[in-house]
């Protein structure tokens, strides 16, 4: 197992050095639109999105499965979570996520499973003969299944790996794929108040759409009969990226704590993103968060801004302690991400930590 973590660390650090050089156009619009499966870039969880997903270095528990899977190793025993996002209010798009992280033994690792489902509502079916509809409806769905394992390899080093199954479906066309995430966290300081994290995400083979919807029945005039012609869909790459972040915890007294976090995200197929976030915790009952995501052009607006997000994020969690000795609690989480156009992204979640 010691060799495993060495290979994991080497892989992630090598990716930090190699991927940005191979994708030197990251941040250059020339590559925008060349990748698919963009739902892999949407953080569905309410807690971490409240402070701009900036806590790559310090994220822990179930939500680490998305940001940096290494943080899942901090699960004490069991964590169950659910989140619902009203995505881009006014579009009818909804995202539901549910997950479980479970420690396998006192000295062993943590196993996690998570499912993210993205629905777009009912869409009127149109055809060449019925361009105005009238032949029923269909419901596109995106589904991501995550299977993870994370482990503490020392008092300072934590590592994890996440396997993804990706599915995109409409009534007669679909695409399936697989991807891998890997992450490392390093904790230091007298009270473990400094955390660093590196995560490599969405690495996998190309995906391609197939299905009956790619076929067309047409009349061959010379032969005076019909035949089925199948069109071929071009393959597309996954939106691979690197996240590098750090978190610092300030102890403000017995009942107060302030955490600040920063993250740099190097994207292969879109502009790079710098995220800053802050979380204030009062005792064991309340967390308040805020953050900002910056990428080139986001402040200038107009045609310079190529993301639907405008930057600001905010959120809060209300906790109900269940067993102070074991540290178990129930939490209700909320976050908001500002967008233009549409009326933002609202996420509401609940988690049970045992």
Protein backbone atom coordinates (compact mmCIF):
# COMPACT_ATOMS: atom_id res chain seq x y z
CA UNK A 1 0.00 0.00 0.00
CA UNK A 2 2.94 2.33 0.63
CA UNK A 3 3.96 1.83 -2.99
CA UNK A 4 0.41 2.67 -4.07
CA UNK A 5 0.47 6.10 -2.46
CA UNK A 6 3.90 6.78 -3.94
CA UNK A 7 2.60 6.01 -7.41
CA UNK A 8 -0.50 8.12 -6.73
CA UNK A 9 1.52 11.11 -5.59
CA UNK A 10 3.94 10.80 -8.49
CA UNK A 11 1.04 10.56 -10.96
CA UNK A 12 -0.71 13.65 -9.62
CA UNK A 13 2.47 15.73 -9.35
CA UNK A 14 3.55 14.65 -12.84
CA UNK A 15 0.16 15.69 -14.15
CA UNK A 16 0.59 19.09 -12.49
CA UNK A 17 3.80 19.59 -14.44
CA UNK A 18 2.92 17.87 -17.71
CA UNK A 19 -0.77 18.66 -18.29
CA UNK A 20 -0.44 22.45 -18.22
CA UNK A 21 2.47 22.29 -20.68
CA UNK A 22 0.58 19.95 -23.01
CA UNK A 23 -2.52 22.11 -22.76
CA UNK A 24 -0.72 25.42 -23.01
CA UNK A 25 -3.84 26.74 -24.70
CA UNK A 26 -5.79 26.29 -21.50
CA UNK A 27 -7.32 29.67 -21.01
CA UNK A 28 -7.29 30.15 -24.80
CA UNK A 29 -10.70 30.20 -26.49
CA UNK A 30 -9.24 28.25 -29.43
CA UNK A 31 -9.99 25.00 -27.59
CA UNK A 32 -13.39 25.96 -26.25
CA UNK A 33 -16.17 23.69 -27.43
CA UNK A 34 -13.87 20.79 -28.32
CA UNK A 35 -14.71 18.76 -25.20
CA UNK A 36 -18.01 17.27 -24.09
CA UNK A 37 -19.51 15.90 -20.89
CA UNK A 38 -19.48 19.39 -19.35
CA UNK A 39 -21.67 18.14 -16.50
CA UNK A 40 -18.40 16.81 -15.02
CA UNK A 41 -17.46 20.45 -14.34
CA UNK A 42 -20.57 21.17 -12.24
CA UNK A 43 -20.11 20.81 -8.48
CA UNK A 44 -23.51 19.50 -7.30
CA UNK A 45 -22.90 19.86 -3.54
CA UNK A 46 -24.31 22.73 -1.51
CA UNK A 47 -21.62 22.99 1.16
CA UNK A 48 -18.49 23.38 -0.96
CA UNK A 49 -20.11 25.56 -3.66
CA UNK A 50 -20.94 28.13 -0.96
CA UNK A 51 -17.31 29.22 -0.89
CA UNK A 52 -16.63 28.91 -4.61
CA UNK A 53 -15.31 25.32 -4.45
CA UNK A 54 -12.02 26.86 -3.33
CA UNK A 55 -11.23 24.35 -0.57
CA UNK A 56 -9.34 21.75 -2.60
CA UNK A 57 -6.74 21.65 0.14
CA UNK A 58 -9.06 21.31 3.13
CA UNK A 59 -12.23 19.63 1.86
CA UNK A 60 -13.13 16.49 3.78
CA UNK A 61 -15.88 13.90 3.96
CA UNK A 62 -18.33 12.97 1.23
CA UNK A 63 -18.14 16.24 -0.73
CA UNK A 64 -14.43 15.64 -1.29
CA UNK A 65 -15.48 13.04 -3.84
CA UNK A 66 -16.02 15.91 -6.29
CA UNK A 67 -13.32 18.48 -5.34
CA UNK A 68 -10.40 16.33 -4.18
CA UNK A 69 -11.12 12.67 -3.44
CA UNK A 70 -8.18 12.50 -1.00
CA UNK A 71 -10.25 14.46 1.54
CA UNK A 72 -12.71 11.58 1.80
CA UNK A 73 -10.09 9.88 4.00
CA UNK A 74 -11.15 12.20 6.85
CA UNK A 75 -14.51 10.42 7.18
CA UNK A 76 -14.57 9.23 10.78
CA UNK A 77 -17.16 6.48 10.33
CA UNK A 78 -20.16 7.11 8.08
CA UNK A 79 -21.45 10.09 6.13
CA UNK A 80 -24.62 10.19 4.05
CA UNK A 81 -25.45 13.20 1.91
CA UNK A 82 -28.07 14.50 -0.50
CA UNK A 83 -28.19 17.70 -2.55
CA UNK A 84 -30.69 19.25 -4.95
CA UNK A 85 -29.74 22.09 -7.30
CA UNK A 86 -32.14 24.30 -9.22
CA UNK A 87 -29.64 24.94 -11.98
CA UNK A 88 -29.87 28.22 -13.88
CA UNK A 89 -33.25 29.20 -12.49
CA UNK A 90 -35.74 29.60 -15.30
CA UNK A 91 -34.40 26.78 -17.51
CA UNK A 92 -36.13 23.88 -15.75
CA UNK A 93 -32.81 22.06 -15.25
CA UNK A 94 -32.43 20.16 -11.97
CA UNK A 95 -29.49 18.28 -10.47
CA UNK A 96 -29.86 15.64 -7.74
CA UNK A 97 -26.92 14.04 -5.96
CA UNK A 98 -26.76 11.37 -3.29
CA UNK A 99 -23.73 9.71 -1.78
CA UNK A 100 -22.23 7.63 1.00
CA UNK A 101 -18.73 7.48 2.45
CA UNK A 102 -17.91 4.67 4.86
CA UNK A 103 -14.74 3.93 6.80
CA UNK A 104 -13.86 0.27 6.36
CA UNK A 105 -11.89 -0.09 9.60
CA UNK A 106 -10.14 2.04 12.21
CA UNK A 107 -6.83 1.83 10.38
CA UNK A 108 -8.20 1.15 6.89
CA UNK A 109 -9.38 3.39 4.13
CA UNK A 110 -12.70 4.95 3.24
CA UNK A 111 -15.02 3.66 0.52
CA UNK A 112 -17.40 6.06 -1.19
CA UNK A 113 -20.16 5.93 -3.75
CA UNK A 114 -22.03 8.84 -5.29
CA UNK A 115 -24.65 9.36 -7.98
CA UNK A 116 -25.36 12.63 -9.79
CA UNK A 117 -28.44 12.90 -12.00
CA UNK A 118 -29.14 15.89 -14.24
CA UNK A 119 -32.59 16.31 -15.81
CA UNK A 120 -33.81 18.85 -18.33
CA UNK A 121 -37.58 18.41 -18.07
CA UNK A 122 -39.93 17.21 -20.80
CA UNK A 123 -39.09 18.37 -24.32
CA UNK A 124 -41.53 18.28 -27.24
CA UNK A 125 -40.58 15.70 -29.83
CA UNK A 126 -40.28 17.10 -33.37
CA UNK A 127 -39.72 15.35 -36.67
CA UNK A 128 -39.30 16.35 -40.32
CA UNK A 129 -43.00 15.63 -40.89
CA UNK A 130 -44.08 17.23 -37.58
CA UNK A 131 -41.75 20.21 -37.07
CA UNK A 132 -44.19 21.82 -34.62
CA UNK A 133 -44.35 18.72 -32.42
CA UNK A 134 -47.41 16.70 -31.54
CA UNK A 135 -45.79 13.27 -31.44
CA UNK A 136 -45.06 13.15 -27.72
CA UNK A 137 -42.24 14.23 -25.43
CA UNK A 138 -38.83 12.96 -24.35
CA UNK A 139 -36.67 13.60 -21.30
CA UNK A 140 -32.87 13.92 -21.67
CA UNK A 141 -30.90 12.71 -18.65
CA UNK A 142 -27.25 12.81 -17.61
CA UNK A 143 -26.02 10.32 -15.01
CA UNK A 144 -22.62 10.10 -13.32
CA UNK A 145 -21.78 7.24 -10.96
CA UNK A 146 -18.71 7.66 -8.72
CA UNK A 147 -16.90 4.87 -6.88
CA UNK A 148 -14.06 6.08 -4.65
CA UNK A 149 -11.39 4.95 -2.24
CA UNK A 150 -9.28 7.20 0.00
CA UNK A 151 -6.79 6.51 2.74
CA UNK A 152 -4.51 8.24 5.23
CA UNK A 153 -0.95 7.12 4.54
CA UNK A 154 0.59 9.10 7.41
CA UNK A 155 -0.36 11.85 9.82
CA UNK A 156 0.21 14.37 7.02
CA UNK A 157 -0.42 12.66 3.67
CA UNK A 158 -3.80 11.55 2.35
CA UNK A 159 -4.58 10.14 -1.07
CA UNK A 160 -7.56 8.90 -3.03
CA UNK A 161 -8.85 7.74 -6.39
CA UNK A 162 -12.29 7.98 -7.95
CA UNK A 163 -13.73 6.00 -10.88
CA UNK A 164 -16.58 7.54 -12.86
CA UNK A 165 -19.19 6.00 -15.13
CA UNK A 166 -20.69 8.65 -17.42
CA UNK A 167 -24.01 8.35 -19.25
CA UNK A 168 -25.76 10.92 -21.47
CA UNK A 169 -29.12 9.87 -22.94
CA UNK A 170 -32.08 11.12 -24.91
CA UNK A 171 -34.79 8.86 -26.30
CA UNK A 172 -32.82 7.42 -29.21
CA UNK A 173 -29.21 8.62 -28.86
CA UNK A 174 -26.75 8.12 -26.04
CA UNK A 175 -23.09 8.23 -25.07
CA UNK A 176 -21.28 6.33 -22.34
CA UNK A 177 -17.81 6.74 -20.95
CA UNK A 178 -15.48 6.27 -18.00
CA UNK A 179 -13.04 8.60 -16.27
CA UNK A 180 -10.66 8.68 -13.32
CA UNK A 181 -9.94 11.32 -10.67
CA UNK A 182 -6.94 11.21 -8.33
CA UNK A 183 -5.99 13.49 -5.47
CA UNK A 184 -3.49 14.15 -2.70
CA UNK A 185 -3.77 16.29 0.43
CA UNK A 186 -0.95 17.37 2.71
CA UNK A 187 -1.68 18.66 6.22
CA UNK A 188 0.88 20.56 8.30
CA UNK A 189 1.19 23.17 11.04
CA UNK A 190 1.20 22.90 14.83
CA UNK A 191 -2.57 22.33 14.91
CA UNK A 192 -2.91 20.97 11.36
CA UNK A 193 -4.18 24.40 10.37
CA UNK A 194 -2.46 24.40 6.97
CA UNK A 195 -3.73 22.13 4.20
CA UNK A 196 -2.55 21.73 0.63
CA UNK A 197 -4.29 19.75 -2.08
CA UNK A 198 -3.77 18.66 -5.67
CA UNK A 199 -6.41 16.90 -7.75
CA UNK A 200 -6.37 15.58 -11.30
CA UNK A 201 -9.89 15.16 -12.69
CA UNK A 202 -11.80 13.77 -15.66
CA UNK A 203 -9.05 11.72 -17.28
CA UNK A 204 -10.45 9.10 -19.63
CA UNK A 205 -10.98 7.93 -23.20
CA UNK A 206 -13.07 9.78 -25.75
CA UNK A 207 -16.85 9.46 -25.81
CA UNK A 208 -19.12 9.13 -28.82
CA UNK A 209 -22.87 9.33 -29.42
CA UNK A 210 -24.58 6.29 -30.97
CA UNK A 211 -28.13 5.01 -31.34
CA UNK A 212 -31.11 4.74 -33.65
CA UNK A 213 -31.35 8.51 -33.77
CA UNK A 214 -28.23 8.54 -35.93
CA UNK A 215 -30.06 6.52 -38.61
CA UNK A 216 -32.24 7.90 -41.41
CA UNK A 217 -34.60 6.06 -43.77
CA UNK A 218 -34.38 7.62 -47.22
CA UNK A 219 -35.60 6.90 -50.76
CA UNK A 220 -32.98 5.89 -53.32
CA UNK A 221 -34.53 7.23 -56.51
CA UNK A 222 -32.39 5.31 -58.99
CA UNK A 223 -33.15 1.99 -57.31
CA UNK A 224 -36.73 3.00 -56.46
CA UNK A 225 -36.56 1.70 -52.90
CA UNK A 226 -35.82 2.94 -49.41
CA UNK A 227 -32.85 2.08 -47.26
CA UNK A 228 -31.49 3.05 -43.86
CA UNK A 229 -28.49 5.36 -43.80
CA UNK A 230 -26.51 5.65 -40.58
CA UNK A 231 -24.69 8.87 -39.81
CA UNK A 232 -21.53 8.78 -37.75
CA UNK A 233 -20.95 11.00 -34.74
CA UNK A 234 -17.50 12.41 -34.12
CA UNK A 235 -15.86 11.46 -30.83
CA UNK A 236 -15.18 14.10 -28.18
CA UNK A 237 -12.72 14.40 -25.33
CA UNK A 238 -13.49 14.77 -21.64
CA UNK A 239 -12.86 18.13 -19.88
CA UNK A 240 -9.67 17.17 -18.04
CA UNK A 241 -8.33 19.62 -15.46
CA UNK A 242 -5.92 20.13 -12.58
CA UNK A 243 -6.88 21.72 -9.24
CA UNK A 244 -4.21 23.11 -6.88
CA UNK A 245 -5.38 24.63 -3.62
CA UNK A 246 -4.50 25.62 -0.06
CA UNK A 247 -6.55 26.27 3.07
CA UNK A 248 -5.61 27.96 6.35
CA UNK A 249 -7.66 27.70 9.56
CA UNK A 250 -7.62 30.58 12.07
CA UNK A 251 -8.53 29.68 15.65
CA UNK A 252 -10.43 32.72 16.97
CA UNK A 253 -11.35 31.27 20.33
CA UNK A 254 -13.22 28.39 21.86
CA UNK A 255 -16.34 28.79 19.72
CA UNK A 256 -15.10 30.65 16.64
CA UNK A 257 -13.04 29.55 13.66
CA UNK A 258 -12.28 31.17 10.32
CA UNK A 259 -10.97 29.30 7.28
CA UNK A 260 -9.68 30.93 4.11
CA UNK A 261 -9.01 29.01 0.92
CA UNK A 262 -7.60 29.59 -2.53
CA UNK A 263 -7.57 27.38 -5.60
CA UNK A 264 -6.18 27.48 -9.12
CA UNK A 265 -7.91 25.36 -11.74
CA UNK A 266 -6.13 24.70 -15.03
CA UNK A 267 -8.64 23.59 -17.66
CA UNK A 268 -7.74 21.79 -20.85
CA UNK A 269 -10.62 23.17 -22.91
CA UNK A 270 -11.59 26.52 -21.41
CA UNK A 271 -10.23 29.45 -19.47
CA UNK A 272 -8.40 28.84 -16.21
CA UNK A 273 -10.18 29.74 -12.98
CA UNK A 274 -8.90 31.27 -9.73
CA UNK A 275 -11.18 30.73 -6.72
CA UNK A 276 -11.09 32.43 -3.32
CA UNK A 277 -13.32 31.44 -0.43
CA UNK A 278 -13.93 31.98 3.27
CA UNK A 279 -15.87 30.02 5.90
CA UNK A 280 -16.77 31.22 9.40
CA UNK A 281 -17.84 28.58 11.94
CA UNK A 282 -19.64 29.31 15.18
CA UNK A 283 -19.36 26.48 17.68
CA UNK A 284 -20.89 23.27 16.29
CA UNK A 285 -24.06 24.91 15.04
CA UNK A 286 -23.48 27.34 12.19
CA UNK A 287 -21.19 27.78 9.17
CA UNK A 288 -21.36 30.84 6.91
CA UNK A 289 -19.49 30.92 3.59
CA UNK A 290 -18.67 33.25 0.74
CA UNK A 291 -16.42 33.14 -2.30
CA UNK A 292 -15.54 34.37 -5.75
CA UNK A 293 -14.55 32.59 -8.97
CA UNK A 294 -12.42 34.63 -11.34
CA UNK A 295 -11.49 33.90 -14.92
CA UNK A 296 -10.30 36.28 -17.67
CA UNK A 297 -13.11 38.44 -19.02
CA UNK A 298 -15.53 37.84 -16.15
CA UNK A 299 -15.24 41.42 -14.84
CA UNK A 300 -15.31 43.13 -18.24
CA UNK A 301 -18.54 41.33 -19.16
CA UNK A 302 -20.09 41.44 -22.61
CA UNK A 303 -18.38 39.27 -25.20
CA UNK A 304 -15.26 39.04 -23.01
CA UNK A 305 -17.09 36.90 -20.44
CA UNK A 306 -17.40 33.36 -21.76
CA UNK A 307 -18.96 31.72 -18.70
CA UNK A 308 -22.51 31.93 -17.45
CA UNK A 309 -21.22 32.49 -13.89
CA UNK A 310 -20.51 36.05 -12.81
CA UNK A 311 -18.23 35.16 -9.87
CA UNK A 312 -19.89 35.62 -6.44
CA UNK A 313 -21.02 32.66 -4.34
CA UNK A 314 -22.45 32.33 -0.83
CA UNK A 315 -23.94 29.80 1.51
CA UNK A 316 -24.52 28.54 5.01
CA UNK A 317 -25.01 25.36 7.03
CA UNK A 318 -27.07 24.79 10.15
CA UNK A 319 -25.89 21.84 12.22
CA UNK A 320 -27.76 19.83 14.84
CA UNK A 321 -25.32 17.89 17.09
CA UNK A 322 -26.46 14.33 17.80
CA UNK A 323 -23.60 12.87 19.83
CA UNK A 324 -20.88 15.31 20.92
CA UNK A 325 -18.56 12.55 22.10
CA UNK A 326 -18.60 10.85 18.71
CA UNK A 327 -18.84 14.13 16.80
CA UNK A 328 -21.96 13.07 14.92
CA UNK A 329 -24.41 15.68 13.62
CA UNK A 330 -27.13 16.42 11.09
CA UNK A 331 -26.61 19.36 8.74
CA UNK A 332 -28.79 21.37 6.37
CA UNK A 333 -26.77 23.20 3.71
CA UNK A 334 -27.56 25.96 1.21
CA UNK A 335 -25.54 27.77 -1.48
CA UNK A 336 -26.12 30.31 -4.24
CA UNK A 337 -24.03 30.92 -7.36
CA UNK A 338 -24.68 34.12 -9.33
CA UNK A 339 -25.22 33.83 -13.09
CA UNK A 340 -26.08 36.07 -16.03
CA UNK A 341 -28.33 35.33 -17.83
CA UNK A 342 -30.87 33.39 -15.74
CA UNK A 343 -31.37 33.77 -12.00
CA UNK A 344 -28.46 31.88 -10.53
CA UNK A 345 -28.01 28.39 -9.12
CA UNK A 346 -29.66 27.44 -5.83
CA UNK A 347 -28.45 24.29 -4.05
CA UNK A 348 -30.01 22.77 -0.94
CA UNK A 349 -28.55 19.74 0.76
CA UNK A 350 -28.63 17.62 3.86
CA UNK A 351 -25.99 15.40 5.40
CA UNK A 352 -25.77 12.98 8.28
CA UNK A 353 -22.37 12.41 9.86
CA UNK A 354 -22.11 9.46 12.25
